[in-house]
Amino acid sequence: MEPIRTLRSRFVVLPLDDADTDQIIPARFLKTTSRTGLGAHLFADRRGPDFPLDRPEARGAHVLVAGRNFGCGSSREHAPWALADAGFRAIVALGIADIFRANAIKNGIVPIVVDAPFHARLVANPRAEVVIDLDRLTVTIGDDGPSAPFQLDPFARHCLMAGVDELGLLLSKLDAIADYERRADAPQTAEGRS
């Protein structure tokens, strides 16, 4: 995963509430265990020239602005895989389903819940850029436009900023773990016993 400290990007507005994981990536595309190639099937059953992701202005956008209850439904991890493969690094929504939120973080996508007034400002400015700042936990329209705070678990924030998931973090500590195991297995002297 790529570390994220600050993300500056255009965004795509997807005006859908309750976009479930079967809409995000239909079940017929779940036969793979590869994270690559799924972006081509993102919202496959909704795609067409009028769909927001298919409009020319969507190219290169790394932020998806969605409605309420984004990512509800089954816990399929293929949904954030498809979003990440399509280039999305953050979801800004009025609500994000808990399991999807956890899966998004594990796959390097920042899940951001904002209030209705700020969301309305985003929707009203579809050609703007947003700046997502994980140090300050804010999302801002443009460089000095309206800003909104968001919440992120400190451990999730650390993982996103370091570009690791839980397993990657654990693997980065292998030397310390091996050292601990060596010390725990070493015979104790009489002075070391209680």
Protein backbone atom coordinates (compact mmCIF):
# COMPACT_ATOMS: atom_id res chain seq x y z
CA MET A 1 0.00 0.00 0.00
CA GLU A 2 1.07 3.54 -0.65
CA PRO A 3 1.35 5.69 2.48
CA ILE A 4 -1.12 8.57 2.71
CA ARG A 5 -0.38 11.68 4.72
CA THR A 6 -2.02 14.27 2.47
CA LEU A 7 -4.14 13.47 -0.56
CA ARG A 8 -4.99 16.20 -3.06
CA SER A 9 -7.35 15.17 -5.83
CA ARG A 10 -10.38 15.91 -7.91
CA PHE A 11 -13.39 13.87 -6.89
CA VAL A 12 -16.30 12.06 -8.47
CA VAL A 13 -19.78 12.49 -7.02
CA LEU A 14 -21.75 9.25 -6.97
CA PRO A 15 -25.21 10.36 -5.80
CA LEU A 16 -26.28 6.99 -4.40
CA ASP A 17 -27.49 6.07 -0.95
CA ASP A 18 -27.14 2.47 0.22
CA ALA A 19 -24.58 1.54 -2.46
CA ASP A 20 -23.98 -2.01 -1.28
CA THR A 21 -20.98 -4.20 -1.99
CA ASP A 22 -22.88 -6.13 -4.68
CA GLN A 23 -23.37 -2.86 -6.57
CA ILE A 24 -19.74 -1.89 -6.02
CA ILE A 25 -18.50 -5.22 -7.42
CA PRO A 26 -21.18 -7.68 -8.60
CA ALA A 27 -20.87 -11.26 -7.35
CA ARG A 28 -20.01 -12.68 -10.77
CA PHE A 29 -16.58 -10.98 -10.52
CA LEU A 30 -15.67 -12.54 -7.16
CA LYS A 31 -13.98 -15.62 -8.61
CA THR A 32 -10.52 -14.12 -8.33
CA THR A 33 -8.19 -13.71 -5.38
CA SER A 34 -6.16 -11.12 -7.26
CA ARG A 35 -6.59 -7.47 -6.37
CA THR A 36 -5.77 -6.35 -9.89
CA GLY A 37 -8.24 -6.06 -12.72
CA LEU A 38 -11.31 -5.57 -10.52
CA GLY A 39 -11.43 -1.82 -11.15
CA ALA A 40 -12.73 -2.54 -14.65
CA HIS A 41 -15.83 -4.09 -13.06
CA LEU A 42 -16.48 -1.37 -10.49
CA PHE A 43 -20.25 -0.69 -10.48
CA ALA A 44 -20.45 -2.91 -13.59
CA ASP A 45 -24.25 -3.12 -13.59
CA ARG A 46 -24.67 0.67 -13.48
CA ARG A 47 -22.03 1.72 -16.01
CA GLY A 48 -22.91 3.73 -19.10
CA PRO A 49 -22.22 7.13 -20.64
CA ASP A 50 -24.30 8.98 -18.02
CA PHE A 51 -22.83 7.15 -15.04
CA PRO A 52 -20.51 9.46 -13.03
CA LEU A 53 -17.50 7.13 -13.24
CA ASP A 54 -17.77 7.03 -17.03
CA ARG A 55 -17.73 10.78 -17.58
CA PRO A 56 -14.47 12.31 -18.86
CA GLU A 57 -14.07 14.49 -15.76
CA ALA A 58 -13.87 11.34 -13.59
CA ARG A 59 -10.55 10.28 -15.11
CA GLY A 60 -7.72 10.62 -12.63
CA ALA A 61 -9.96 11.32 -9.63
CA HIS A 62 -8.80 9.54 -6.48
CA VAL A 63 -11.71 10.52 -4.23
CA LEU A 64 -15.26 9.20 -4.48
CA VAL A 65 -18.03 11.26 -2.87
CA ALA A 66 -20.96 8.98 -2.07
CA GLY A 67 -24.25 9.19 -0.20
CA ARG A 68 -25.50 7.50 2.94
CA ASN A 69 -24.59 3.98 4.07
CA PHE A 70 -21.88 3.39 1.47
CA GLY A 71 -20.54 -0.18 1.34
CA CYS A 72 -23.44 -1.82 3.16
CA GLY A 73 -24.37 -5.44 2.46
CA SER A 74 -21.95 -8.36 2.52
CA SER A 75 -18.43 -8.05 3.81
CA ARG A 76 -16.73 -8.85 0.51
CA GLU A 77 -13.23 -7.46 0.44
CA HIS A 78 -13.39 -7.37 -3.35
CA ALA A 79 -15.33 -4.08 -3.04
CA PRO A 80 -12.38 -2.05 -1.70
CA TRP A 81 -10.07 -4.02 -4.01
CA ALA A 82 -12.12 -2.82 -7.00
CA LEU A 83 -12.16 0.77 -5.73
CA ALA A 84 -8.40 0.75 -5.11
CA ASP A 85 -7.71 -0.87 -8.48
CA ALA A 86 -9.76 1.90 -10.11
CA GLY A 87 -7.49 4.45 -8.40
CA PHE A 88 -9.62 5.58 -5.47
CA ARG A 89 -7.73 6.41 -2.28
CA ALA A 90 -10.60 7.90 -0.26
CA ILE A 91 -14.37 7.68 0.09
CA VAL A 92 -16.18 10.74 1.45
CA ALA A 93 -19.78 9.98 2.37
CA LEU A 94 -22.65 10.78 4.69
CA GLY A 95 -22.24 7.32 6.17
CA ILE A 96 -20.02 4.26 5.61
CA ALA A 97 -20.90 0.72 6.68
CA ASP A 98 -18.67 -0.56 9.50
CA ILE A 99 -17.35 -3.70 7.81
CA PHE A 100 -16.67 -1.84 4.58
CA ARG A 101 -14.86 0.86 6.59
CA ALA A 102 -12.53 -1.74 8.12
CA ASN A 103 -11.89 -3.42 4.76
CA ALA A 104 -11.23 -0.06 3.10
CA ILE A 105 -8.58 0.84 5.68
CA LYS A 106 -6.90 -2.55 5.26
CA ASN A 107 -6.65 -1.81 1.54
CA GLY A 108 -5.30 1.73 1.76
CA ILE A 109 -8.55 3.65 1.28
CA VAL A 110 -9.40 6.45 3.71
CA PRO A 111 -13.07 6.23 4.80
CA ILE A 112 -14.38 9.70 5.64
CA VAL A 113 -17.81 10.52 7.03
CA VAL A 114 -18.86 14.17 6.83
CA ASP A 115 -21.96 16.04 7.88
CA ALA A 116 -24.77 16.96 5.47
CA PRO A 117 -23.86 20.67 5.02
CA PHE A 118 -20.26 19.88 4.03
CA HIS A 119 -21.41 17.01 1.80
CA ALA A 120 -23.82 19.40 0.04
CA ARG A 121 -20.92 21.78 -0.60
CA LEU A 122 -18.92 18.97 -2.20
CA VAL A 123 -21.83 17.93 -4.39
CA ALA A 124 -22.33 21.57 -5.45
CA ASN A 125 -18.65 21.88 -6.49
CA PRO A 126 -17.98 18.78 -8.59
CA ARG A 127 -15.04 20.32 -10.45
CA ALA A 128 -13.16 21.30 -7.30
CA GLU A 129 -10.24 19.55 -5.67
CA VAL A 130 -10.24 18.26 -2.14
CA VAL A 131 -7.33 18.07 0.26
CA ILE A 132 -7.46 15.22 2.75
CA ASP A 133 -5.03 15.72 5.61
CA LEU A 134 -4.47 12.72 7.88
CA ASP A 135 -2.25 14.73 10.25
CA ARG A 136 -5.08 17.15 11.00
CA LEU A 137 -7.95 14.72 10.16
CA THR A 138 -9.62 17.24 7.89
CA VAL A 139 -11.01 17.32 4.39
CA THR A 140 -10.93 20.72 2.67
CA ILE A 141 -12.40 21.94 -0.59
CA GLY A 142 -9.49 23.52 -2.45
CA ASP A 143 -6.52 24.99 -0.62
CA ASP A 144 -8.40 27.35 1.66
CA GLY A 145 -12.08 26.57 1.15
CA PRO A 146 -14.54 25.05 3.58
CA SER A 147 -13.14 22.29 5.74
CA ALA A 148 -14.63 19.47 7.77
CA PRO A 149 -13.10 17.27 10.46
CA PHE A 150 -13.41 13.51 10.31
CA GLN A 151 -12.76 10.70 12.73
CA LEU A 152 -10.33 7.86 12.25
CA ASP A 153 -9.16 5.29 14.77
CA PRO A 154 -5.55 6.12 15.78
CA PHE A 155 -4.28 2.66 14.78
CA ALA A 156 -6.05 2.86 11.40
CA ARG A 157 -4.62 6.34 10.88
CA HIS A 158 -1.11 5.07 11.69
CA CYS A 159 -1.48 2.17 9.23
CA LEU A 160 -2.75 4.42 6.43
CA MET A 161 0.04 6.94 7.01
CA ALA A 162 2.67 4.17 7.09
CA GLY A 163 1.19 2.36 4.10
CA VAL A 164 0.76 -0.96 5.92
CA ASP A 165 -2.10 -3.19 6.98
CA GLU A 166 -2.12 -5.12 10.27
CA LEU A 167 -0.12 -8.00 8.80
CA GLY A 168 2.40 -5.63 7.25
CA LEU A 169 2.84 -3.89 10.58
CA LEU A 170 3.35 -7.25 12.32
CA LEU A 171 5.88 -8.34 9.68
CA SER A 172 7.81 -5.11 10.19
CA LYS A 173 8.33 -6.14 13.82
CA LEU A 174 9.78 -9.62 13.09
CA ASP A 175 13.24 -8.77 14.45
CA ALA A 176 11.79 -7.51 17.73
CA ILE A 177 9.52 -10.56 17.97
CA ALA A 178 12.47 -12.93 17.34
CA ASP A 179 14.53 -11.10 19.97
CA TYR A 180 11.71 -11.42 22.49
CA GLU A 181 11.36 -15.14 21.73
CA ARG A 182 15.12 -15.68 22.18
CA ARG A 183 15.03 -13.94 25.55
CA ALA A 184 11.91 -15.85 26.64
CA ASP A 185 13.47 -19.20 25.70
CA ALA A 186 16.86 -18.47 27.30
CA PRO A 187 17.55 -20.33 30.55
CA GLN A 188 17.11 -18.05 33.52
CA THR A 189 19.79 -17.70 36.17
CA ALA A 190 18.99 -17.98 39.85
CA GLU A 191 19.12 -14.18 40.09
CA GLY A 192 16.54 -13.84 37.27
CA ARG A 193 13.98 -16.07 39.02
CA SER A 194 11.50 -14.70 41.49
